[in-house]
Each structure stands twice: as structure tokens, then as C-alpha cells.
Amino acid sequence: IPPADLARMYDSPKAYDDDYATAADAAIDAKFVLKDDREALIAEAQPD
């Protein structure tokens, strides 16, 4: 996604990280991702 579009989608790297973590926890709560894999899933975030 172009950087300009990402800037409109997320106010900051922290805002992105928060959205990503919320989505990860939603997938875990729905049982489509294992809690054991949360750390590995979070590690795939790209706030940079």
C-alpha cells in the first residue's frame, strides 16, 4: 500500500501496532489462531 495511503490509514506506528494487536487478539478469541502463536503473529507487524 503506498506510503501516503498508509499515513491516512494510521496516525502513527503506535496506532498501527494497536490495530494490529487488536486484530491478532480477535483472531485468537475466535479460535482461528492459537494463543500459543500470539508472539509469532505480533512479530509479523511492520510498524516501520
All heavy atoms as atom14 arrays in JSON, in Angstrom:
{
  "sequence": "IPPADLARMYDSPKAYDDDYATAADAAIDAKFVLKDDREALIAEAQPD",
  "atom14_mask": [
    [1, 1, 1, 1, 1, 1, 1, 1, 0, 0, 0, 0, 0, 0],
    [1, 1, 1, 1, 1, 1, 1, 0, 0, 0, 0, 0, 0, 0],
    [1, 1, 1, 1, 1, 1, 1, 0, 0, 0, 0, 0, 0, 0],
    [1, 1, 1, 1, 1, 0, 0, 0, 0, 0, 0, 0, 0, 0],
    [1, 1, 1, 1, 1, 1, 1, 1, 0, 0, 0, 0, 0, 0],
    [1, 1, 1, 1, 1, 1, 1, 1, 0, 0, 0, 0, 0, 0],
    [1, 1, 1, 1, 1, 0, 0, 0, 0, 0, 0, 0, 0, 0],
    [1, 1, 1, 1, 1, 1, 1, 1, 1, 1, 1, 0, 0, 0],
    [1, 1, 1, 1, 1, 1, 1, 1, 0, 0, 0, 0, 0, 0],
    [1, 1, 1, 1, 1, 1, 1, 1, 1, 1, 1, 1, 0, 0],
    [1, 1, 1, 1, 1, 1, 1, 1, 0, 0, 0, 0, 0, 0],
    [1, 1, 1, 1, 1, 1, 0, 0, 0, 0, 0, 0, 0, 0],
    [1, 1, 1, 1, 1, 1, 1, 0, 0, 0, 0, 0, 0, 0],
    [1, 1, 1, 1, 1, 1, 1, 1, 1, 0, 0, 0, 0, 0],
    [1, 1, 1, 1, 1, 0, 0, 0, 0, 0, 0, 0, 0, 0],
    [1, 1, 1, 1, 1, 1, 1, 1, 1, 1, 1, 1, 0, 0],
    [1, 1, 1, 1, 1, 1, 1, 1, 0, 0, 0, 0, 0, 0],
    [1, 1, 1, 1, 1, 1, 1, 1, 0, 0, 0, 0, 0, 0],
    [1, 1, 1, 1, 1, 1, 1, 1, 0, 0, 0, 0, 0, 0],
    [1, 1, 1, 1, 1, 1, 1, 1, 1, 1, 1, 1, 0, 0],
    [1, 1, 1, 1, 1, 0, 0, 0, 0, 0, 0, 0, 0, 0],
    [1, 1, 1, 1, 1, 1, 1, 0, 0, 0, 0, 0, 0, 0],
    [1, 1, 1, 1, 1, 0, 0, 0, 0, 0, 0, 0, 0, 0],
    [1, 1, 1, 1, 1, 0, 0, 0, 0, 0, 0, 0, 0, 0],
    [1, 1, 1, 1, 1, 1, 1, 1, 0, 0, 0, 0, 0, 0],
    [1, 1, 1, 1, 1, 0, 0, 0, 0, 0, 0, 0, 0, 0],
    [1, 1, 1, 1, 1, 0, 0, 0, 0, 0, 0, 0, 0, 0],
    [1, 1, 1, 1, 1, 1, 1, 1, 0, 0, 0, 0, 0, 0],
    [1, 1, 1, 1, 1, 1, 1, 1, 0, 0, 0, 0, 0, 0],
    [1, 1, 1, 1, 1, 0, 0, 0, 0, 0, 0, 0, 0, 0],
    [1, 1, 1, 1, 1, 1, 1, 1, 1, 0, 0, 0, 0, 0],
    [1, 1, 1, 1, 1, 1, 1, 1, 1, 1, 1, 0, 0, 0],
    [1, 1, 1, 1, 1, 1, 1, 0, 0, 0, 0, 0, 0, 0],
    [1, 1, 1, 1, 1, 1, 1, 1, 0, 0, 0, 0, 0, 0],
    [1, 1, 1, 1, 1, 1, 1, 1, 1, 0, 0, 0, 0, 0],
    [1, 1, 1, 1, 1, 1, 1, 1, 0, 0, 0, 0, 0, 0],
    [1, 1, 1, 1, 1, 1, 1, 1, 0, 0, 0, 0, 0, 0],
    [1, 1, 1, 1, 1, 1, 1, 1, 1, 1, 1, 0, 0, 0],
    [1, 1, 1, 1, 1, 1, 1, 1, 1, 0, 0, 0, 0, 0],
    [1, 1, 1, 1, 1, 0, 0, 0, 0, 0, 0, 0, 0, 0],
    [1, 1, 1, 1, 1, 1, 1, 1, 0, 0, 0, 0, 0, 0],
    [1, 1, 1, 1, 1, 1, 1, 1, 0, 0, 0, 0, 0, 0],
    [1, 1, 1, 1, 1, 0, 0, 0, 0, 0, 0, 0, 0, 0],
    [1, 1, 1, 1, 1, 1, 1, 1, 1, 0, 0, 0, 0, 0],
    [1, 1, 1, 1, 1, 0, 0, 0, 0, 0, 0, 0, 0, 0],
    [1, 1, 1, 1, 1, 1, 1, 1, 1, 0, 0, 0, 0, 0],
    [1, 1, 1, 1, 1, 1, 1, 0, 0, 0, 0, 0, 0, 0],
    [1, 1, 1, 1, 1, 1, 1, 1, 0, 0, 0, 0, 0, 0]
  ],
  "atom14_positions": [
    [[0.86, -1.18, 0.0], [0.0, 0.0, 0.0], [0.9, 1.23, 0.0], [1.87, 1.3, 0.77], [-0.92, 0.0, 1.24], [-1.84, -1.24, 1.19], [-1.74, 1.28, 1.32], [-2.67, -1.43, 2.46], [0.0, 0.0, 0.0], [0.0, 0.0, 0.0], [0.0, 0.0, 0.0], [0.0, 0.0, 0.0], [0.0, 0.0, 0.0], [0.0, 0.0, 0.0]],
    [[0.64, 2.2, -0.86], [1.52, 3.38, -0.94], [1.66, 4.08, 0.41], [0.7, 4.15, 1.18], [0.82, 4.27, -1.97], [0.03, 3.32, -2.81], [-0.43, 2.24, -1.88], [0.0, 0.0, 0.0], [0.0, 0.0, 0.0], [0.0, 0.0, 0.0], [0.0, 0.0, 0.0], [0.0, 0.0, 0.0], [0.0, 0.0, 0.0], [0.0, 0.0, 0.0]],
    [[2.85, 4.61, 0.7], [3.08, 5.28, 1.99], [2.07, 6.38, 2.3], [1.66, 6.54, 3.46], [4.5, 5.83, 1.85], [5.17, 4.91, 0.88], [4.1, 4.52, -0.09], [0.0, 0.0, 0.0], [0.0, 0.0, 0.0], [0.0, 0.0, 0.0], [0.0, 0.0, 0.0], [0.0, 0.0, 0.0], [0.0, 0.0, 0.0], [0.0, 0.0, 0.0]],
    [[1.67, 7.13, 1.29], [0.7, 8.2, 1.54], [-0.63, 7.64, 2.01], [-1.3, 8.22, 2.88], [0.52, 9.04, 0.27], [0.0, 0.0, 0.0], [0.0, 0.0, 0.0], [0.0, 0.0, 0.0], [0.0, 0.0, 0.0], [0.0, 0.0, 0.0], [0.0, 0.0, 0.0], [0.0, 0.0, 0.0], [0.0, 0.0, 0.0], [0.0, 0.0, 0.0]],
    [[-1.03, 6.52, 1.44], [-2.28, 5.88, 1.87], [-2.15, 5.32, 3.28], [-3.08, 5.4, 4.1], [-2.67, 4.78, 0.9], [-3.09, 5.31, -0.46], [-3.4, 6.53, -0.55], [-3.09, 4.53, -1.42], [0.0, 0.0, 0.0], [0.0, 0.0, 0.0], [0.0, 0.0, 0.0], [0.0, 0.0, 0.0], [0.0, 0.0, 0.0], [0.0, 0.0, 0.0]],
    [[-0.99, 4.74, 3.58], [-0.77, 4.22, 4.94], [-0.83, 5.36, 5.96], [-1.36, 5.19, 7.07], [0.58, 3.51, 5.02], [0.7, 2.19, 4.28], [2.13, 1.65, 4.38], [-0.28, 1.16, 4.81], [0.0, 0.0, 0.0], [0.0, 0.0, 0.0], [0.0, 0.0, 0.0], [0.0, 0.0, 0.0], [0.0, 0.0, 0.0], [0.0, 0.0, 0.0]],
    [[-0.29, 6.52, 5.58], [-0.32, 7.67, 6.5], [-1.75, 8.11, 6.78], [-2.06, 8.57, 7.89], [0.5, 8.82, 5.91], [0.0, 0.0, 0.0], [0.0, 0.0, 0.0], [0.0, 0.0, 0.0], [0.0, 0.0, 0.0], [0.0, 0.0, 0.0], [0.0, 0.0, 0.0], [0.0, 0.0, 0.0], [0.0, 0.0, 0.0], [0.0, 0.0, 0.0]],
    [[-2.63, 7.97, 5.79], [-4.03, 8.32, 6.02], [-4.75, 7.24, 6.85], [-5.68, 7.54, 7.59], [-4.75, 8.49, 4.68], [-4.38, 9.78, 3.95], [-5.29, 10.04, 2.77], [-5.07, 9.09, 1.69], [-4.2, 9.29, 0.7], [-3.47, 10.41, 0.67], [-4.04, 8.4, -0.25], [0.0, 0.0, 0.0], [0.0, 0.0, 0.0], [0.0, 0.0, 0.0]],
    [[-4.3, 6.01, 6.74], [-4.94, 4.91, 7.47], [-4.52, 4.87, 8.94], [-5.32, 4.48, 9.8], [-4.58, 3.59, 6.79], [-5.16, 3.42, 5.4], [-4.39, 2.06, 4.47], [-4.74, 0.65, 5.52], [0.0, 0.0, 0.0], [0.0, 0.0, 0.0], [0.0, 0.0, 0.0], [0.0, 0.0, 0.0], [0.0, 0.0, 0.0], [0.0, 0.0, 0.0]],
    [[-3.26, 5.24, 9.22], [-2.72, 5.13, 10.57], [-2.05, 6.45, 10.95], [-1.18, 6.95, 10.23], [-1.69, 4.0, 10.66], [-2.2, 2.67, 10.14], [-1.76, 2.18, 8.91], [-3.11, 1.91, 10.86], [-2.21, 0.96, 8.41], [-3.58, 0.69, 10.37], [-3.12, 0.23, 9.15], [-3.57, -0.98, 8.66], [0.0, 0.0, 0.0], [0.0, 0.0, 0.0]],
    [[-2.43, 7.0, 12.11], [-1.85, 8.27, 12.56], [-0.39, 8.15, 12.92], [0.36, 9.14, 12.85], [-2.62, 8.79, 13.79], [-4.05, 9.19, 13.45], [-4.31, 9.46, 12.26], [-4.89, 9.22, 14.38], [0.0, 0.0, 0.0], [0.0, 0.0, 0.0], [0.0, 0.0, 0.0], [0.0, 0.0, 0.0], [0.0, 0.0, 0.0], [0.0, 0.0, 0.0]],
    [[0.03, 6.95, 13.33], [1.39, 6.77, 13.82], [1.71, 5.28, 13.81], [0.8, 4.44, 13.7], [1.51, 7.3, 15.25], [0.69, 6.53, 16.11], [0.0, 0.0, 0.0], [0.0, 0.0, 0.0], [0.0, 0.0, 0.0], [0.0, 0.0, 0.0], [0.0, 0.0, 0.0], [0.0, 0.0, 0.0], [0.0, 0.0, 0.0], [0.0, 0.0, 0.0]],
    [[2.98, 4.91, 13.95], [3.31, 3.49, 14.11], [2.58, 2.85, 15.28], [2.17, 1.69, 15.19], [4.83, 3.5, 14.31], [5.29, 4.74, 13.62], [4.21, 5.75, 13.84], [0.0, 0.0, 0.0], [0.0, 0.0, 0.0], [0.0, 0.0, 0.0], [0.0, 0.0, 0.0], [0.0, 0.0, 0.0], [0.0, 0.0, 0.0], [0.0, 0.0, 0.0]],
    [[2.41, 3.61, 16.38], [1.7, 3.06, 17.52], [0.24, 2.77, 17.18], [-0.31, 1.74, 17.59], [1.77, 3.99, 18.72], [1.08, 3.44, 19.96], [1.14, 4.39, 21.12], [0.52, 3.75, 22.37], [-0.85, 3.27, 22.16], [0.0, 0.0, 0.0], [0.0, 0.0, 0.0], [0.0, 0.0, 0.0], [0.0, 0.0, 0.0], [0.0, 0.0, 0.0]],
    [[-0.39, 3.66, 16.42], [-1.79, 3.42, 16.03], [-1.9, 2.15, 15.2], [-2.83, 1.35, 15.38], [-2.32, 4.62, 15.25], [0.0, 0.0, 0.0], [0.0, 0.0, 0.0], [0.0, 0.0, 0.0], [0.0, 0.0, 0.0], [0.0, 0.0, 0.0], [0.0, 0.0, 0.0], [0.0, 0.0, 0.0], [0.0, 0.0, 0.0], [0.0, 0.0, 0.0]],
    [[-0.93, 1.95, 14.31], [-0.91, 0.71, 13.52], [-0.71, -0.5, 14.43], [-1.43, -1.51, 14.32], [0.19, 0.78, 12.47], [0.57, -0.57, 11.9], [-0.24, -1.21, 10.96], [1.73, -1.22, 12.34], [0.11, -2.46, 10.47], [2.07, -2.47, 11.84], [1.26, -3.09, 10.91], [1.59, -4.32, 10.43], [0.0, 0.0, 0.0], [0.0, 0.0, 0.0]],
    [[0.28, -0.41, 15.33], [0.54, -1.53, 16.24], [-0.7, -1.88, 17.06], [-1.0, -3.05, 17.28], [1.7, -1.18, 17.18], [3.06, -1.55, 16.6], [3.11, -2.42, 15.7], [4.07, -0.98, 17.05], [0.0, 0.0, 0.0], [0.0, 0.0, 0.0], [0.0, 0.0, 0.0], [0.0, 0.0, 0.0], [0.0, 0.0, 0.0], [0.0, 0.0, 0.0]],
    [[-1.4, -0.86, 17.51], [-2.61, -1.1, 18.29], [-3.66, -1.81, 17.46], [-4.31, -2.76, 17.94], [-3.16, 0.23, 18.83], [-2.3, 0.83, 19.93], [-1.44, 0.11, 20.47], [-2.48, 2.03, 20.24], [0.0, 0.0, 0.0], [0.0, 0.0, 0.0], [0.0, 0.0, 0.0], [0.0, 0.0, 0.0], [0.0, 0.0, 0.0], [0.0, 0.0, 0.0]],
    [[-3.87, -1.36, 16.22], [-4.85, -2.0, 15.34], [-4.45, -3.44, 15.05], [-5.3, -4.36, 15.03], [-4.97, -1.23, 14.03], [-5.73, 0.08, 14.17], [-6.24, 0.34, 15.28], [-5.8, 0.82, 13.18], [0.0, 0.0, 0.0], [0.0, 0.0, 0.0], [0.0, 0.0, 0.0], [0.0, 0.0, 0.0], [0.0, 0.0, 0.0], [0.0, 0.0, 0.0]],
    [[-3.16, -3.64, 14.82], [-2.67, -4.99, 14.5], [-2.87, -5.92, 15.7], [-3.35, -7.06, 15.55], [-1.19, -4.92, 14.11], [-0.62, -6.22, 13.6], [-0.53, -6.47, 12.24], [-0.18, -7.21, 14.48], [0.0, -7.67, 11.76], [0.35, -8.4, 14.02], [0.44, -8.63, 12.66], [0.95, -9.81, 12.2], [0.0, 0.0, 0.0], [0.0, 0.0, 0.0]],
    [[-2.53, -5.46, 16.89], [-2.69, -6.28, 18.09], [-4.16, -6.59, 18.35], [-4.51, -7.71, 18.76], [-2.06, -5.58, 19.29], [0.0, 0.0, 0.0], [0.0, 0.0, 0.0], [0.0, 0.0, 0.0], [0.0, 0.0, 0.0], [0.0, 0.0, 0.0], [0.0, 0.0, 0.0], [0.0, 0.0, 0.0], [0.0, 0.0, 0.0], [0.0, 0.0, 0.0]],
    [[-5.02, -5.62, 18.13], [-6.46, -5.85, 18.3], [-6.95, -6.93, 17.35], [-7.73, -7.82, 17.73], [-7.24, -4.54, 18.07], [-6.85, -3.59, 19.06], [-8.74, -4.77, 18.15], [0.0, 0.0, 0.0], [0.0, 0.0, 0.0], [0.0, 0.0, 0.0], [0.0, 0.0, 0.0], [0.0, 0.0, 0.0], [0.0, 0.0, 0.0], [0.0, 0.0, 0.0]],
    [[-6.48, -6.86, 16.09], [-6.87, -7.88, 15.11], [-6.31, -9.24, 15.48], [-6.99, -10.27, 15.31], [-6.39, -7.46, 13.72], [0.0, 0.0, 0.0], [0.0, 0.0, 0.0], [0.0, 0.0, 0.0], [0.0, 0.0, 0.0], [0.0, 0.0, 0.0], [0.0, 0.0, 0.0], [0.0, 0.0, 0.0], [0.0, 0.0, 0.0], [0.0, 0.0, 0.0]],
    [[-5.09, -9.29, 15.99], [-4.5, -10.57, 16.41], [-5.31, -11.19, 17.54], [-5.62, -12.39, 17.52], [-3.05, -10.35, 16.85], [0.0, 0.0, 0.0], [0.0, 0.0, 0.0], [0.0, 0.0, 0.0], [0.0, 0.0, 0.0], [0.0, 0.0, 0.0], [0.0, 0.0, 0.0], [0.0, 0.0, 0.0], [0.0, 0.0, 0.0], [0.0, 0.0, 0.0]],
    [[-5.67, -10.38, 18.52], [-6.44, -10.9, 19.65], [-7.84, -11.33, 19.22], [-8.38, -12.3, 19.76], [-6.5, -9.86, 20.76], [-5.16, -9.68, 21.45], [-4.36, -10.63, 21.45], [-4.89, -8.58, 21.97], [0.0, 0.0, 0.0], [0.0, 0.0, 0.0], [0.0, 0.0, 0.0], [0.0, 0.0, 0.0], [0.0, 0.0, 0.0], [0.0, 0.0, 0.0]],
    [[-8.41, -10.63, 18.25], [-9.73, -11.04, 17.74], [-9.65, -12.4, 17.06], [-10.54, -13.24, 17.24], [-10.26, -9.99, 16.76], [0.0, 0.0, 0.0], [0.0, 0.0, 0.0], [0.0, 0.0, 0.0], [0.0, 0.0, 0.0], [0.0, 0.0, 0.0], [0.0, 0.0, 0.0], [0.0, 0.0, 0.0], [0.0, 0.0, 0.0], [0.0, 0.0, 0.0]],
    [[-8.58, -12.64, 16.29], [-8.42, -13.95, 15.63], [-8.2, -15.05, 16.66], [-8.7, -16.17, 16.5], [-7.25, -13.88, 14.65], [0.0, 0.0, 0.0], [0.0, 0.0, 0.0], [0.0, 0.0, 0.0], [0.0, 0.0, 0.0], [0.0, 0.0, 0.0], [0.0, 0.0, 0.0], [0.0, 0.0, 0.0], [0.0, 0.0, 0.0], [0.0, 0.0, 0.0]],
    [[-7.47, -14.74, 17.72], [-7.25, -15.72, 18.79], [-8.55, -16.0, 19.54], [-8.9, -17.16, 19.8], [-6.14, -15.23, 19.74], [-4.79, -15.23, 19.01], [-6.09, -16.09, 21.0], [-3.69, -14.49, 19.75], [0.0, 0.0, 0.0], [0.0, 0.0, 0.0], [0.0, 0.0, 0.0], [0.0, 0.0, 0.0], [0.0, 0.0, 0.0], [0.0, 0.0, 0.0]],
    [[-9.29, -14.94, 19.86], [-10.56, -15.13, 20.57], [-11.55, -15.94, 19.74], [-12.34, -16.72, 20.29], [-11.17, -13.77, 20.92], [-10.4, -13.05, 22.01], [-9.57, -13.69, 22.69], [-10.59, -11.82, 22.15], [0.0, 0.0, 0.0], [0.0, 0.0, 0.0], [0.0, 0.0, 0.0], [0.0, 0.0, 0.0], [0.0, 0.0, 0.0], [0.0, 0.0, 0.0]],
    [[-11.48, -15.78, 18.42], [-12.37, -16.53, 17.53], [-11.9, -17.96, 17.29], [-12.59, -18.74, 16.63], [-12.49, -15.79, 16.19], [0.0, 0.0, 0.0], [0.0, 0.0, 0.0], [0.0, 0.0, 0.0], [0.0, 0.0, 0.0], [0.0, 0.0, 0.0], [0.0, 0.0, 0.0], [0.0, 0.0, 0.0], [0.0, 0.0, 0.0], [0.0, 0.0, 0.0]],
    [[-10.71, -18.31, 17.8], [-10.12, -19.64, 17.72], [-9.62, -20.01, 16.32], [-9.43, -21.18, 16.02], [-11.09, -20.72, 18.23], [-11.46, -20.56, 19.69], [-12.32, -21.72, 20.18], [-12.62, -21.59, 21.66], [-13.45, -22.7, 22.16], [0.0, 0.0, 0.0], [0.0, 0.0, 0.0], [0.0, 0.0, 0.0], [0.0, 0.0, 0.0], [0.0, 0.0, 0.0]],
    [[-9.37, -19.0, 15.5], [-8.77, -19.25, 14.21], [-7.25, -19.09, 14.25], [-6.56, -19.4, 13.27], [-9.35, -18.32, 13.15], [-10.82, -18.55, 12.9], [-11.74, -17.54, 13.07], [-11.27, -19.8, 12.51], [-13.09, -17.76, 12.85], [-12.62, -20.04, 12.3], [-13.53, -19.01, 12.47], [0.0, 0.0, 0.0], [0.0, 0.0, 0.0], [0.0, 0.0, 0.0]],
    [[-6.72, -18.6, 15.35], [-5.29, -18.53, 15.63], [-5.11, -18.99, 17.07], [-5.96, -18.72, 17.93], [-4.73, -17.1, 15.44], [-3.27, -17.02, 15.91], [-4.83, -16.67, 13.98], [0.0, 0.0, 0.0], [0.0, 0.0, 0.0], [0.0, 0.0, 0.0], [0.0, 0.0, 0.0], [0.0, 0.0, 0.0], [0.0, 0.0, 0.0], [0.0, 0.0, 0.0]],
    [[-4.0, -19.69, 17.35], [-3.75, -20.2, 18.69], [-3.09, -19.13, 19.56], [-2.23, -18.37, 19.1], [-2.83, -21.42, 18.61], [-3.39, -22.62, 17.86], [-2.31, -23.69, 17.7], [-4.61, -23.19, 18.56], [0.0, 0.0, 0.0], [0.0, 0.0, 0.0], [0.0, 0.0, 0.0], [0.0, 0.0, 0.0], [0.0, 0.0, 0.0], [0.0, 0.0, 0.0]],
    [[-3.47, -19.12, 20.82], [-2.83, -18.21, 21.77], [-1.33, -18.46, 21.83], [-0.54, -17.53, 22.0], [-3.46, -18.37, 23.15], [-3.0, -17.34, 24.16], [-3.75, -17.49, 25.48], [-3.31, -16.43, 26.48], [-4.05, -16.58, 27.78], [0.0, 0.0, 0.0], [0.0, 0.0, 0.0], [0.0, 0.0, 0.0], [0.0, 0.0, 0.0], [0.0, 0.0, 0.0]],
    [[-0.93, -19.72, 21.66], [0.49, -20.06, 21.65], [1.26, -19.33, 20.55], [2.48, -19.19, 20.63], [0.68, -21.57, 21.45], [0.25, -22.38, 22.66], [0.03, -21.78, 23.74], [0.12, -23.61, 22.53], [0.0, 0.0, 0.0], [0.0, 0.0, 0.0], [0.0, 0.0, 0.0], [0.0, 0.0, 0.0], [0.0, 0.0, 0.0], [0.0, 0.0, 0.0]],
    [[0.56, -18.91, 19.51], [1.21, -18.27, 18.36], [1.11, -16.75, 18.4], [1.52, -16.08, 17.44], [0.59, -18.78, 17.05], [1.05, -20.18, 16.7], [2.22, -20.5, 16.97], [0.24, -20.96, 16.16], [0.0, 0.0, 0.0], [0.0, 0.0, 0.0], [0.0, 0.0, 0.0], [0.0, 0.0, 0.0], [0.0, 0.0, 0.0], [0.0, 0.0, 0.0]],
    [[0.6, -16.19, 19.49], [0.42, -14.74, 19.52], [1.74, -14.01, 19.34], [1.84, -13.04, 18.57], [-0.24, -14.3, 20.82], [-0.6, -12.81, 20.82], [-1.24, -12.35, 22.13], [-1.76, -10.99, 22.01], [-1.01, -9.88, 22.13], [0.29, -9.98, 22.38], [-1.57, -8.69, 22.0], [0.0, 0.0, 0.0], [0.0, 0.0, 0.0], [0.0, 0.0, 0.0]],
    [[2.78, -14.44, 20.05], [4.07, -13.74, 19.95], [4.59, -13.76, 18.51], [5.06, -12.73, 17.99], [5.07, -14.39, 20.89], [6.43, -13.71, 20.9], [7.4, -14.33, 21.88], [6.97, -15.17, 22.71], [8.61, -14.0, 21.82], [0.0, 0.0, 0.0], [0.0, 0.0, 0.0], [0.0, 0.0, 0.0], [0.0, 0.0, 0.0], [0.0, 0.0, 0.0]],
    [[4.51, -14.91, 17.86], [4.98, -15.0, 16.47], [4.12, -14.17, 15.54], [4.63, -13.56, 14.59], [4.98, -16.46, 16.03], [0.0, 0.0, 0.0], [0.0, 0.0, 0.0], [0.0, 0.0, 0.0], [0.0, 0.0, 0.0], [0.0, 0.0, 0.0], [0.0, 0.0, 0.0], [0.0, 0.0, 0.0], [0.0, 0.0, 0.0], [0.0, 0.0, 0.0]],
    [[2.82, -14.13, 15.8], [1.93, -13.33, 14.96], [2.23, -11.85, 15.12], [2.3, -11.1, 14.14], [0.48, -13.64, 15.31], [-0.61, -12.99, 14.47], [-0.47, -13.36, 13.0], [-1.99, -13.36, 14.99], [0.0, 0.0, 0.0], [0.0, 0.0, 0.0], [0.0, 0.0, 0.0], [0.0, 0.0, 0.0], [0.0, 0.0, 0.0], [0.0, 0.0, 0.0]],
    [[2.39, -11.4, 16.37], [2.7, -9.99, 16.62], [4.04, -9.61, 15.99], [4.22, -8.49, 15.49], [2.72, -9.71, 18.13], [1.31, -9.85, 18.72], [3.28, -8.32, 18.43], [0.3, -8.86, 18.2], [0.0, 0.0, 0.0], [0.0, 0.0, 0.0], [0.0, 0.0, 0.0], [0.0, 0.0, 0.0], [0.0, 0.0, 0.0], [0.0, 0.0, 0.0]],
    [[4.96, -10.56, 15.95], [6.29, -10.28, 15.37], [6.2, -9.98, 13.88], [7.15, -9.4, 13.32], [7.23, -11.45, 15.62], [0.0, 0.0, 0.0], [0.0, 0.0, 0.0], [0.0, 0.0, 0.0], [0.0, 0.0, 0.0], [0.0, 0.0, 0.0], [0.0, 0.0, 0.0], [0.0, 0.0, 0.0], [0.0, 0.0, 0.0], [0.0, 0.0, 0.0]],
    [[5.1, -10.33, 13.23], [4.96, -10.05, 11.8], [4.43, -8.65, 11.51], [4.3, -8.26, 10.35], [4.06, -11.1, 11.15], [4.68, -12.49, 11.13], [4.0, -13.44, 10.17], [2.96, -13.06, 9.56], [4.51, -14.57, 10.0], [0.0, 0.0, 0.0], [0.0, 0.0, 0.0], [0.0, 0.0, 0.0], [0.0, 0.0, 0.0], [0.0, 0.0, 0.0]],
    [[4.11, -7.89, 12.55], [3.69, -6.49, 12.34], [4.84, -5.69, 11.73], [6.02, -6.0, 11.96], [3.25, -5.88, 13.66], [0.0, 0.0, 0.0], [0.0, 0.0, 0.0], [0.0, 0.0, 0.0], [0.0, 0.0, 0.0], [0.0, 0.0, 0.0], [0.0, 0.0, 0.0], [0.0, 0.0, 0.0], [0.0, 0.0, 0.0], [0.0, 0.0, 0.0]],
    [[4.5, -4.65, 10.97], [5.52, -3.86, 10.28], [5.34, -2.36, 10.56], [5.05, -1.57, 9.65], [5.45, -4.13, 8.77], [5.65, -5.59, 8.39], [5.52, -5.81, 6.9], [6.31, -5.28, 6.1], [4.53, -6.59, 6.52], [0.0, 0.0, 0.0], [0.0, 0.0, 0.0], [0.0, 0.0, 0.0], [0.0, 0.0, 0.0], [0.0, 0.0, 0.0]],
    [[5.51, -1.94, 11.8], [5.31, -0.52, 12.13], [6.29, 0.4, 11.43], [6.02, 1.61, 11.28], [5.48, -0.49, 13.65], [6.3, -1.69, 13.98], [5.87, -2.73, 12.99], [0.0, 0.0, 0.0], [0.0, 0.0, 0.0], [0.0, 0.0, 0.0], [0.0, 0.0, 0.0], [0.0, 0.0, 0.0], [0.0, 0.0, 0.0], [0.0, 0.0, 0.0]],
    [[7.44, -0.15, 10.99], [8.41, 0.69, 10.29], [7.89, 1.17, 8.95], [8.48, 2.09, 8.35], [9.72, -0.09, 10.1], [9.52, -1.39, 9.34], [8.58, -2.14, 9.66], [10.3, -1.66, 8.4], [0.0, 0.0, 0.0], [0.0, 0.0, 0.0], [0.0, 0.0, 0.0], [0.0, 0.0, 0.0], [0.0, 0.0, 0.0], [0.0, 0.0, 0.0]]
  ]
}
